[in-house]
């Protein structure tokens, strides 16, 4: 992973350098050095960043699924209102 790819991945997660440093349990300065190219990004850090991206992706998927399930429930139940059937129908 290049420094630019690392930085873009962090930004895609919506994280600041300090937040990523906390998530990776590494000093803030280390993240700066990786993104600037001063230090090589260790493979394990790249893997950890990819896992954070996957976790973020699945969190978004779960949220979307929750919205879809709620819409389906409303469609099935008529918006939460149960229709009362009369004998005439």
PDB file of N, CA and C in Angstrom:
ATOM      1  N   UNK A   1       0.863  -1.177   0.000  1.00  0.00           N
ATOM      2  CA  UNK A   1       0.000   0.000   0.000  1.00  0.00           C
ATOM      3  C   UNK A   1       0.902   1.230   0.000  1.00  0.00           C
ATOM      4  N   UNK A   2       0.590   2.137  -0.909  1.00  0.00           N
ATOM      5  CA  UNK A   2       1.376   3.369  -0.992  1.00  0.00           C
ATOM      6  C   UNK A   2       0.886   4.373   0.054  1.00  0.00           C
ATOM      7  N   UNK A   3       1.710   5.367   0.350  1.00  0.00           N
ATOM      8  CA  UNK A   3       1.255   6.403   1.288  1.00  0.00           C
ATOM      9  C   UNK A   3      -0.041   7.079   0.834  1.00  0.00           C
ATOM     10  N   UNK A   4      -0.161   7.306  -0.474  1.00  0.00           N
ATOM     11  CA  UNK A   4      -1.371   7.952  -0.998  1.00  0.00           C
ATOM     12  C   UNK A   4      -2.596   7.049  -0.822  1.00  0.00           C
ATOM     13  N   UNK A   5      -2.449   5.757  -1.074  1.00  0.00           N
ATOM     14  CA  UNK A   5      -3.549   4.814  -0.883  1.00  0.00           C
ATOM     15  C   UNK A   5      -3.952   4.751   0.592  1.00  0.00           C
ATOM     16  N   UNK A   6      -2.949   4.779   1.452  1.00  0.00           N
ATOM     17  CA  UNK A   6      -3.198   4.745   2.893  1.00  0.00           C
ATOM     18  C   UNK A   6      -4.011   5.970   3.314  1.00  0.00           C
ATOM     19  N   UNK A   7      -3.576   7.130   2.844  1.00  0.00           N
ATOM     20  CA  UNK A   7      -4.253   8.384   3.184  1.00  0.00           C
ATOM     21  C   UNK A   7      -5.679   8.389   2.631  1.00  0.00           C
ATOM     22  N   UNK A   8      -5.843   7.946   1.394  1.00  0.00           N
ATOM     23  CA  UNK A   8      -7.181   7.910   0.786  1.00  0.00           C
ATOM     24  C   UNK A   8      -8.107   6.959   1.532  1.00  0.00           C
ATOM     25  N   UNK A   9      -7.578   5.829   1.974  1.00  0.00           N
ATOM     26  CA  UNK A   9      -8.381   4.866   2.733  1.00  0.00           C
ATOM     27  C   UNK A   9      -8.825   5.471   4.063  1.00  0.00           C
ATOM     28  N   UNK A  10      -7.907   6.168   4.722  1.00  0.00           N
ATOM     29  CA  UNK A  10      -8.249   6.822   5.993  1.00  0.00           C
ATOM     30  C   UNK A  10      -9.341   7.859   5.777  1.00  0.00           C
ATOM     31  N   UNK A  11      -9.175   8.653   4.744  1.00  0.00           N
ATOM     32  CA  UNK A  11     -10.163   9.698   4.449  1.00  0.00           C
ATOM     33  C   UNK A  11     -11.523   9.095   4.089  1.00  0.00           C
ATOM     34  N   UNK A  12     -11.499   7.987   3.347  1.00  0.00           N
ATOM     35  CA  UNK A  12     -12.753   7.322   2.976  1.00  0.00           C
ATOM     36  C   UNK A  12     -13.511   6.839   4.210  1.00  0.00           C
ATOM     37  N   UNK A  13     -12.769   6.517   5.264  1.00  0.00           N
ATOM     38  CA  UNK A  13     -13.386   6.119   6.526  1.00  0.00           C
ATOM     39  C   UNK A  13     -13.899   7.322   7.309  1.00  0.00           C
ATOM     40  N   UNK A  14     -13.528   8.524   6.849  1.00  0.00           N
ATOM     41  CA  UNK A  14     -13.939   9.737   7.553  1.00  0.00           C
ATOM     42  C   UNK A  14     -13.166   9.948   8.841  1.00  0.00           C
ATOM     43  N   UNK A  15     -11.936   9.433   8.882  1.00  0.00           N
ATOM     44  CA  UNK A  15     -11.130   9.525  10.099  1.00  0.00           C
ATOM     45  C   UNK A  15     -10.015  10.546   9.939  1.00  0.00           C
ATOM     46  N   UNK A  16      -9.703  11.211  11.042  1.00  0.00           N
ATOM     47  CA  UNK A  16      -8.538  12.077  11.110  1.00  0.00           C
ATOM     48  C   UNK A  16      -7.335  11.199  11.426  1.00  0.00           C
ATOM     49  N   UNK A  17      -6.146  11.726  11.224  1.00  0.00           N
ATOM     50  CA  UNK A  17      -4.932  10.960  11.531  1.00  0.00           C
ATOM     51  C   UNK A  17      -4.911  10.524  12.993  1.00  0.00           C
ATOM     52  N   UNK A  18      -5.331  11.409  13.876  1.00  0.00           N
ATOM     53  CA  UNK A  18      -5.327  11.067  15.305  1.00  0.00           C
ATOM     54  C   UNK A  18      -6.304   9.936  15.608  1.00  0.00           C
ATOM     55  N   UNK A  19      -7.462   9.936  14.937  1.00  0.00           N
ATOM     56  CA  UNK A  19      -8.448   8.880  15.159  1.00  0.00           C
ATOM     57  C   UNK A  19      -7.938   7.535  14.658  1.00  0.00           C
ATOM     58  N   UNK A  20      -7.286   7.549  13.495  1.00  0.00           N
ATOM     59  CA  UNK A  20      -6.730   6.306  12.971  1.00  0.00           C
ATOM     60  C   UNK A  20      -5.612   5.801  13.877  1.00  0.00           C
ATOM     61  N   UNK A  21      -4.798   6.712  14.366  1.00  0.00           N
ATOM     62  CA  UNK A  21      -3.719   6.319  15.276  1.00  0.00           C
ATOM     63  C   UNK A  21      -4.290   5.625  16.516  1.00  0.00           C
ATOM     64  N   UNK A  22      -5.373   6.159  17.065  1.00  0.00           N
ATOM     65  CA  UNK A  22      -6.016   5.521  18.217  1.00  0.00           C
ATOM     66  C   UNK A  22      -6.558   4.144  17.855  1.00  0.00           C
ATOM     67  N   UNK A  23      -7.193   4.051  16.684  1.00  0.00           N
ATOM     68  CA  UNK A  23      -7.762   2.773  16.257  1.00  0.00           C
ATOM     69  C   UNK A  23      -6.687   1.719  16.039  1.00  0.00           C
ATOM     70  N   UNK A  24      -5.524   2.141  15.532  1.00  0.00           N
ATOM     71  CA  UNK A  24      -4.420   1.213  15.275  1.00  0.00           C
ATOM     72  C   UNK A  24      -3.482   1.066  16.468  1.00  0.00           C
ATOM     73  N   UNK A  25      -3.791   1.813  17.527  1.00  0.00           N
ATOM     74  CA  UNK A  25      -2.961   1.799  18.739  1.00  0.00           C
ATOM     75  C   UNK A  25      -1.498   2.074  18.420  1.00  0.00           C
ATOM     76  N   UNK A  26      -1.306   3.152  17.665  1.00  0.00           N
ATOM     77  CA  UNK A  26       0.031   3.582  17.282  1.00  0.00           C
ATOM     78  C   UNK A  26       0.114   5.099  17.456  1.00  0.00           C
ATOM     79  N   UNK A  27       1.316   5.639  17.639  1.00  0.00           N
ATOM     80  CA  UNK A  27       1.425   7.089  17.804  1.00  0.00           C
ATOM     81  C   UNK A  27       0.936   7.853  16.562  1.00  0.00           C
ATOM     82  N   UNK A  28       0.374   9.004  16.830  1.00  0.00           N
ATOM     83  CA  UNK A  28      -0.121   9.880  15.771  1.00  0.00           C
ATOM     84  C   UNK A  28       0.992  10.196  14.775  1.00  0.00           C
ATOM     85  N   UNK A  29       2.180  10.434  15.291  1.00  0.00           N
ATOM     86  CA  UNK A  29       3.332  10.783  14.439  1.00  0.00           C
ATOM     87  C   UNK A  29       3.665   9.644  13.461  1.00  0.00           C
ATOM     88  N   UNK A  30       3.427   8.423  13.871  1.00  0.00           N
ATOM     89  CA  UNK A  30       3.689   7.271  13.008  1.00  0.00           C
ATOM     90  C   UNK A  30       2.761   7.296  11.795  1.00  0.00           C
ATOM     91  N   UNK A  31       1.484   7.605  12.027  1.00  0.00           N
ATOM     92  CA  UNK A  31       0.531   7.703  10.922  1.00  0.00           C
ATOM     93  C   UNK A  31       0.961   8.828   9.981  1.00  0.00           C
ATOM     94  N   UNK A  32       1.399   9.939  10.524  1.00  0.00           N
ATOM     95  CA  UNK A  32       1.900  11.043   9.706  1.00  0.00           C
ATOM     96  C   UNK A  32       3.074  10.585   8.841  1.00  0.00           C
ATOM     97  N   UNK A  33       3.993   9.865   9.469  1.00  0.00           N
ATOM     98  CA  UNK A  33       5.179   9.396   8.743  1.00  0.00           C
ATOM     99  C   UNK A  33       4.814   8.412   7.630  1.00  0.00           C
ATOM    100  N   UNK A  34       3.840   7.561   7.859  1.00  0.00           N
ATOM    101  CA  UNK A  34       3.396   6.620   6.821  1.00  0.00           C
ATOM    102  C   UNK A  34       2.781   7.371   5.653  1.00  0.00           C
ATOM    103  N   UNK A  35       1.917   8.336   5.965  1.00  0.00           N
ATOM    104  CA  UNK A  35       1.226   9.071   4.910  1.00  0.00           C
ATOM    105  C   UNK A  35       2.146  10.000   4.127  1.00  0.00           C
ATOM    106  N   UNK A  36       3.185  10.464   4.759  1.00  0.00           N
ATOM    107  CA  UNK A  36       4.126  11.352   4.064  1.00  0.00           C
ATOM    108  C   UNK A  36       5.168  10.562   3.282  1.00  0.00           C
ATOM    109  N   UNK A  37       5.248   9.262   3.548  1.00  0.00           N
ATOM    110  CA  UNK A  37       6.257   8.436   2.883  1.00  0.00           C
ATOM    111  C   UNK A  37       7.592   8.419   3.601  1.00  0.00           C
ATOM    112  N   UNK A  38       7.680   9.080   4.756  1.00  0.00           N
ATOM    113  CA  UNK A  38       8.931   9.072   5.527  1.00  0.00           C
ATOM    114  C   UNK A  38       9.283   7.667   6.003  1.00  0.00           C
ATOM    115  N   UNK A  39       8.252   6.930   6.406  1.00  0.00           N
ATOM    116  CA  UNK A  39       8.456   5.546   6.850  1.00  0.00           C
ATOM    117  C   UNK A  39       7.582   4.621   6.009  1.00  0.00           C
ATOM    118  N   UNK A  40       8.079   3.423   5.772  1.00  0.00           N
ATOM    119  CA  UNK A  40       7.335   2.412   5.028  1.00  0.00           C
ATOM    120  C   UNK A  40       6.146   1.952   5.874  1.00  0.00           C
ATOM    121  N   UNK A  41       5.025   1.730   5.223  1.00  0.00           N
ATOM    122  CA  UNK A  41       3.820   1.268   5.916  1.00  0.00           C
ATOM    123  C   UNK A  41       3.952  -0.242   6.118  1.00  0.00           C
ATOM    124  N   UNK A  42       3.987  -0.701   7.367  1.00  0.00           N
ATOM    125  CA  UNK A  42       4.100  -2.145   7.601  1.00  0.00           C
ATOM    126  C   UNK A  42       2.871  -2.877   7.064  1.00  0.00           C
ATOM    127  N   UNK A  43       3.085  -4.078   6.600  1.00  0.00           N
ATOM    128  CA  UNK A  43       1.990  -4.870   6.059  1.00  0.00           C
ATOM    129  C   UNK A  43       0.837  -5.010   7.034  1.00  0.00           C
ATOM    130  N   UNK A  44       1.144  -5.190   8.292  1.00  0.00           N
ATOM    131  CA  UNK A  44       0.089  -5.379   9.295  1.00  0.00           C
ATOM    132  C   UNK A  44      -0.767  -4.122   9.441  1.00  0.00           C
ATOM    133  N   UNK A  45      -0.172  -2.944   9.265  1.00  0.00           N
ATOM    134  CA  UNK A  45      -0.943  -1.697   9.342  1.00  0.00           C
ATOM    135  C   UNK A  45      -1.876  -1.585   8.144  1.00  0.00           C
ATOM    136  N   UNK A  46      -1.405  -1.984   6.973  1.00  0.00           N
ATOM    137  CA  UNK A  46      -2.244  -1.958   5.777  1.00  0.00           C
ATOM    138  C   UNK A  46      -3.415  -2.933   5.936  1.00  0.00           C
ATOM    139  N   UNK A  47      -3.135  -4.117   6.472  1.00  0.00           N
ATOM    140  CA  UNK A  47      -4.186  -5.110   6.704  1.00  0.00           C
ATOM    141  C   UNK A  47      -5.197  -4.568   7.707  1.00  0.00           C
ATOM    142  N   UNK A  48      -4.713  -3.964   8.784  1.00  0.00           N
ATOM    143  CA  UNK A  48      -5.612  -3.410   9.805  1.00  0.00           C
ATOM    144  C   UNK A  48      -6.500  -2.319   9.210  1.00  0.00           C
ATOM    145  N   UNK A  49      -5.940  -1.491   8.347  1.00  0.00           N
ATOM    146  CA  UNK A  49      -6.723  -0.430   7.712  1.00  0.00           C
ATOM    147  C   UNK A  49      -7.795  -1.037   6.795  1.00  0.00           C
ATOM    148  N   UNK A  50      -7.436  -2.067   6.066  1.00  0.00           N
ATOM    149  CA  UNK A  50      -8.423  -2.734   5.204  1.00  0.00           C
ATOM    150  C   UNK A  50      -9.538  -3.366   6.034  1.00  0.00           C
ATOM    151  N   UNK A  51      -9.190  -3.923   7.180  1.00  0.00           N
ATOM    152  CA  UNK A  51     -10.211  -4.495   8.063  1.00  0.00           C
ATOM    153  C   UNK A  51     -11.147  -3.419   8.596  1.00  0.00           C
ATOM    154  N   UNK A  52     -10.589  -2.249   8.909  1.00  0.00           N
ATOM    155  CA  UNK A  52     -11.435  -1.134   9.340  1.00  0.00           C
ATOM    156  C   UNK A  52     -12.389  -0.730   8.218  1.00  0.00           C
ATOM    157  N   UNK A  53     -11.899  -0.763   6.980  1.00  0.00           N
ATOM    158  CA  UNK A  53     -12.759  -0.439   5.836  1.00  0.00           C
ATOM    159  C   UNK A  53     -13.880  -1.470   5.706  1.00  0.00           C
ATOM    160  N   UNK A  54     -13.558  -2.745   5.861  1.00  0.00           N
ATOM    161  CA  UNK A  54     -14.573  -3.796   5.776  1.00  0.00           C
ATOM    162  C   UNK A  54     -15.593  -3.658   6.899  1.00  0.00           C
ATOM    163  N   UNK A  55     -15.105  -3.353   8.091  1.00  0.00           N
ATOM    164  CA  UNK A  55     -15.999  -3.168   9.234  1.00  0.00           C
ATOM    165  C   UNK A  55     -16.955  -2.009   8.953  1.00  0.00           C
ATOM    166  N   UNK A  56     -16.426  -0.930   8.399  1.00  0.00           N
ATOM    167  CA  UNK A  56     -17.246   0.234   8.063  1.00  0.00           C
ATOM    168  C   UNK A  56     -18.257  -0.135   6.980  1.00  0.00           C
ATOM    169  N   UNK A  57     -17.821  -0.898   5.993  1.00  0.00           N
ATOM    170  CA  UNK A  57     -18.716  -1.331   4.919  1.00  0.00           C
ATOM    171  C   UNK A  57     -19.863  -2.158   5.484  1.00  0.00           C
ATOM    172  N   UNK A  58     -19.558  -3.115   6.346  1.00  0.00           N
ATOM    173  CA  UNK A  58     -20.605  -3.988   6.880  1.00  0.00           C
ATOM    174  C   UNK A  58     -21.524  -3.237   7.833  1.00  0.00           C
ATOM    175  N   UNK A  59     -20.992  -2.240   8.525  1.00  0.00           N
ATOM    176  CA  UNK A  59     -21.854  -1.415   9.383  1.00  0.00           C
ATOM    177  C   UNK A  59     -22.858  -0.661   8.521  1.00  0.00           C
ATOM    178  N   UNK A  60     -22.402  -0.156   7.374  1.00  0.00           N
ATOM    179  CA  UNK A  60     -23.303   0.540   6.449  1.00  0.00           C
ATOM    180  C   UNK A  60     -24.336  -0.421   5.877  1.00  0.00           C
ATOM    181  N   UNK A  61     -23.898  -1.632   5.552  1.00  0.00           N
ATOM    182  CA  UNK A  61     -24.812  -2.642   5.018  1.00  0.00           C
ATOM    183  C   UNK A  61     -25.877  -3.009   6.052  1.00  0.00           C
ATOM    184  N   UNK A  62     -25.463  -3.167   7.319  1.00  0.00           N
ATOM    185  CA  UNK A  62     -26.424  -3.490   8.380  1.00  0.00           C
ATOM    186  C   UNK A  62     -27.441  -2.364   8.540  1.00  0.00           C
ATOM    187  N   UNK A  63     -26.973  -1.138   8.466  1.00  0.00           N
ATOM    188  CA  UNK A  63     -27.873   0.007   8.602  1.00  0.00           C
ATOM    189  C   UNK A  63     -28.873   0.028   7.448  1.00  0.00           C
ATOM    190  N   UNK A  64     -28.401  -0.183   6.236  1.00  0.00           N
ATOM    191  CA  UNK A  64     -29.284  -0.211   5.075  1.00  0.00           C
ATOM    192  C   UNK A  64     -30.284  -1.351   5.194  1.00  0.00           C
ATOM    193  N   UNK A  65     -29.825  -2.508   5.623  1.00  0.00           N
ATOM    194  CA  UNK A  65     -30.711  -3.654   5.791  1.00  0.00           C
ATOM    195  C   UNK A  65     -31.803  -3.346   6.814  1.00  0.00           C
ATOM    196  N   UNK A  66     -31.437  -2.677   7.892  1.00  0.00           N
ATOM    197  CA  UNK A  66     -32.414  -2.286   8.906  1.00  0.00           C
ATOM    198  C   UNK A  66     -33.488  -1.379   8.341  1.00  0.00           C
ATOM    199  N   UNK A  67     -33.091  -0.433   7.503  1.00  0.00           N
ATOM    200  CA  UNK A  67     -34.049   0.483   6.874  1.00  0.00           C
ATOM    201  C   UNK A  67     -34.975  -0.298   5.937  1.00  0.00           C
ATOM    202  N   UNK A  68     -34.400  -1.202   5.151  1.00  0.00           N
ATOM    203  CA  UNK A  68     -35.208  -1.994   4.221  1.00  0.00           C
ATOM    204  C   UNK A  68     -36.194  -2.897   4.956  1.00  0.00           C
ATOM    205  N   UNK A  69     -35.747  -3.507   6.041  1.00  0.00           N
ATOM    206  CA  UNK A  69     -36.635  -4.374   6.826  1.00  0.00           C
ATOM    207  C   UNK A  69     -37.775  -3.554   7.408  1.00  0.00           C
ATOM    208  N   UNK A  70     -37.491  -2.363   7.896  1.00  0.00           N
ATOM    209  CA  UNK A  70     -38.530  -1.506   8.462  1.00  0.00           C
ATOM    210  C   UNK A  70     -39.542  -1.101   7.387  1.00  0.00           C
ATOM    211  N   UNK A  71     -39.057  -0.777   6.190  1.00  0.00           N
ATOM    212  CA  UNK A  71     -39.965  -0.432   5.095  1.00  0.00           C
ATOM    213  C   UNK A  71     -40.838  -1.631   4.723  1.00  0.00           C
ATOM    214  N   UNK A  72     -40.237  -2.804   4.687  1.00  0.00           N
ATOM    215  CA  UNK A  72     -40.988  -4.017   4.374  1.00  0.00           C
ATOM    216  C   UNK A  72     -42.069  -4.271   5.421  1.00  0.00           C
ATOM    217  N   UNK A  73     -41.728  -4.093   6.690  1.00  0.00           N
ATOM    218  CA  UNK A  73     -42.719  -4.273   7.760  1.00  0.00           C
ATOM    219  C   UNK A  73     -43.890  -3.314   7.580  1.00  0.00           C
ATOM    220  N   UNK A  74     -43.574  -2.068   7.256  1.00  0.00           N
ATOM    221  CA  UNK A  74     -44.630  -1.075   7.057  1.00  0.00           C
ATOM    222  C   UNK A  74     -45.509  -1.455   5.875  1.00  0.00           C
ATOM    223  N   UNK A  75     -44.895  -1.956   4.802  1.00  0.00           N
ATOM    224  CA  UNK A  75     -45.677  -2.363   3.631  1.00  0.00           C
ATOM    225  C   UNK A  75     -46.570  -3.555   3.954  1.00  0.00           C
ATOM    226  N   UNK A  76     -46.049  -4.485   4.717  1.00  0.00           N
ATOM    227  CA  UNK A  76     -46.818  -5.679   5.059  1.00  0.00           C
ATOM    228  C   UNK A  76     -47.973  -5.340   5.997  1.00  0.00           C
ATOM    229  N   UNK A  77     -47.694  -4.482   6.973  1.00  0.00           N
ATOM    230  CA  UNK A  77     -48.711  -4.159   7.981  1.00  0.00           C
ATOM    231  C   UNK A  77     -49.533  -2.932   7.610  1.00  0.00           C
ATOM    232  N   UNK A  78     -49.265  -2.329   6.464  1.00  0.00           N
ATOM    233  CA  UNK A  78     -50.022  -1.139   6.060  1.00  0.00           C
ATOM    234  C   UNK A  78     -49.619   0.083   6.851  1.00  0.00           C
ATOM    235  N   UNK A  79     -48.337   0.222   7.112  1.00  0.00           N
ATOM    236  CA  UNK A  79     -47.855   1.388   7.839  1.00  0.00           C
ATOM    237  C   UNK A  79     -48.073   1.297   9.329  1.00  0.00           C
ATOM    238  N   UNK A  80     -48.248   0.095   9.805  1.00  0.00           N
ATOM    239  CA  UNK A  80     -48.446  -0.089  11.236  1.00  0.00           C
ATOM    240  C   UNK A  80     -49.906  -0.059  11.638  1.00  0.00           C
ATOM    241  N   UNK A  81     -50.772   0.267  10.701  1.00  0.00           N
ATOM    242  CA  UNK A  81     -52.205   0.308  10.985  1.00  0.00           C
ATOM    243  C   UNK A  81     -52.829  -0.974  10.455  1.00  0.00           C
ATOM    244  N   UNK A  82     -53.478  -1.680  11.295  1.00  0.00           N
ATOM    245  CA  UNK A  82     -54.137  -2.907  10.863  1.00  0.00           C
ATOM    246  C   UNK A  82     -55.526  -2.569  10.358  1.00  0.00           C
ATOM    247  N   UNK A  83     -55.816  -3.103   9.216  1.00  0.00           N
ATOM    248  CA  UNK A  83     -57.128  -2.871   8.629  1.00  0.00           C
ATOM    249  C   UNK A  83     -58.134  -3.806   9.293  1.00  0.00           C
ATOM    250  N   UNK A  84     -59.223  -3.219   9.700  1.00  0.00           N
ATOM    251  CA  UNK A  84     -60.284  -4.035  10.301  1.00  0.00           C
ATOM    252  C   UNK A  84     -61.277  -4.385   9.203  1.00  0.00           C
ATOM    253  N   UNK A  85     -61.537  -5.640   9.098  1.00  0.00           N
ATOM    254  CA  UNK A  85     -62.467  -6.131   8.091  1.00  0.00           C
ATOM    255  C   UNK A  85     -63.874  -6.139   8.649  1.00  0.00           C
ATOM    256  N   UNK A  86     -64.781  -5.642   7.868  1.00  0.00           N
ATOM    257  CA  UNK A  86     -66.186  -5.694   8.298  1.00  0.00           C
ATOM    258  C   UNK A  86     -66.832  -6.902   7.660  1.00  0.00           C
ATOM    259  N   UNK A  87     -67.980  -7.262   8.165  1.00  0.00           N
ATOM    260  CA  UNK A  87     -68.709  -8.416   7.640  1.00  0.00           C
ATOM    261  C   UNK A  87     -69.154  -8.167   6.204  1.00  0.00           C
ATOM    262  N   UNK A  88     -69.284  -6.890   5.832  1.00  0.00           N
ATOM    263  CA  UNK A  88     -69.768  -6.544   4.504  1.00  0.00           C
ATOM    264  C   UNK A  88     -68.721  -6.775   3.428  1.00  0.00           C
ATOM    265  N   UNK A  89     -67.480  -6.835   3.806  1.00  0.00           N
ATOM    266  CA  UNK A  89     -66.406  -6.988   2.803  1.00  0.00           C
ATOM    267  C   UNK A  89     -66.191  -8.407   2.427  1.00  0.00           C
TER     268      UNK A  89
END
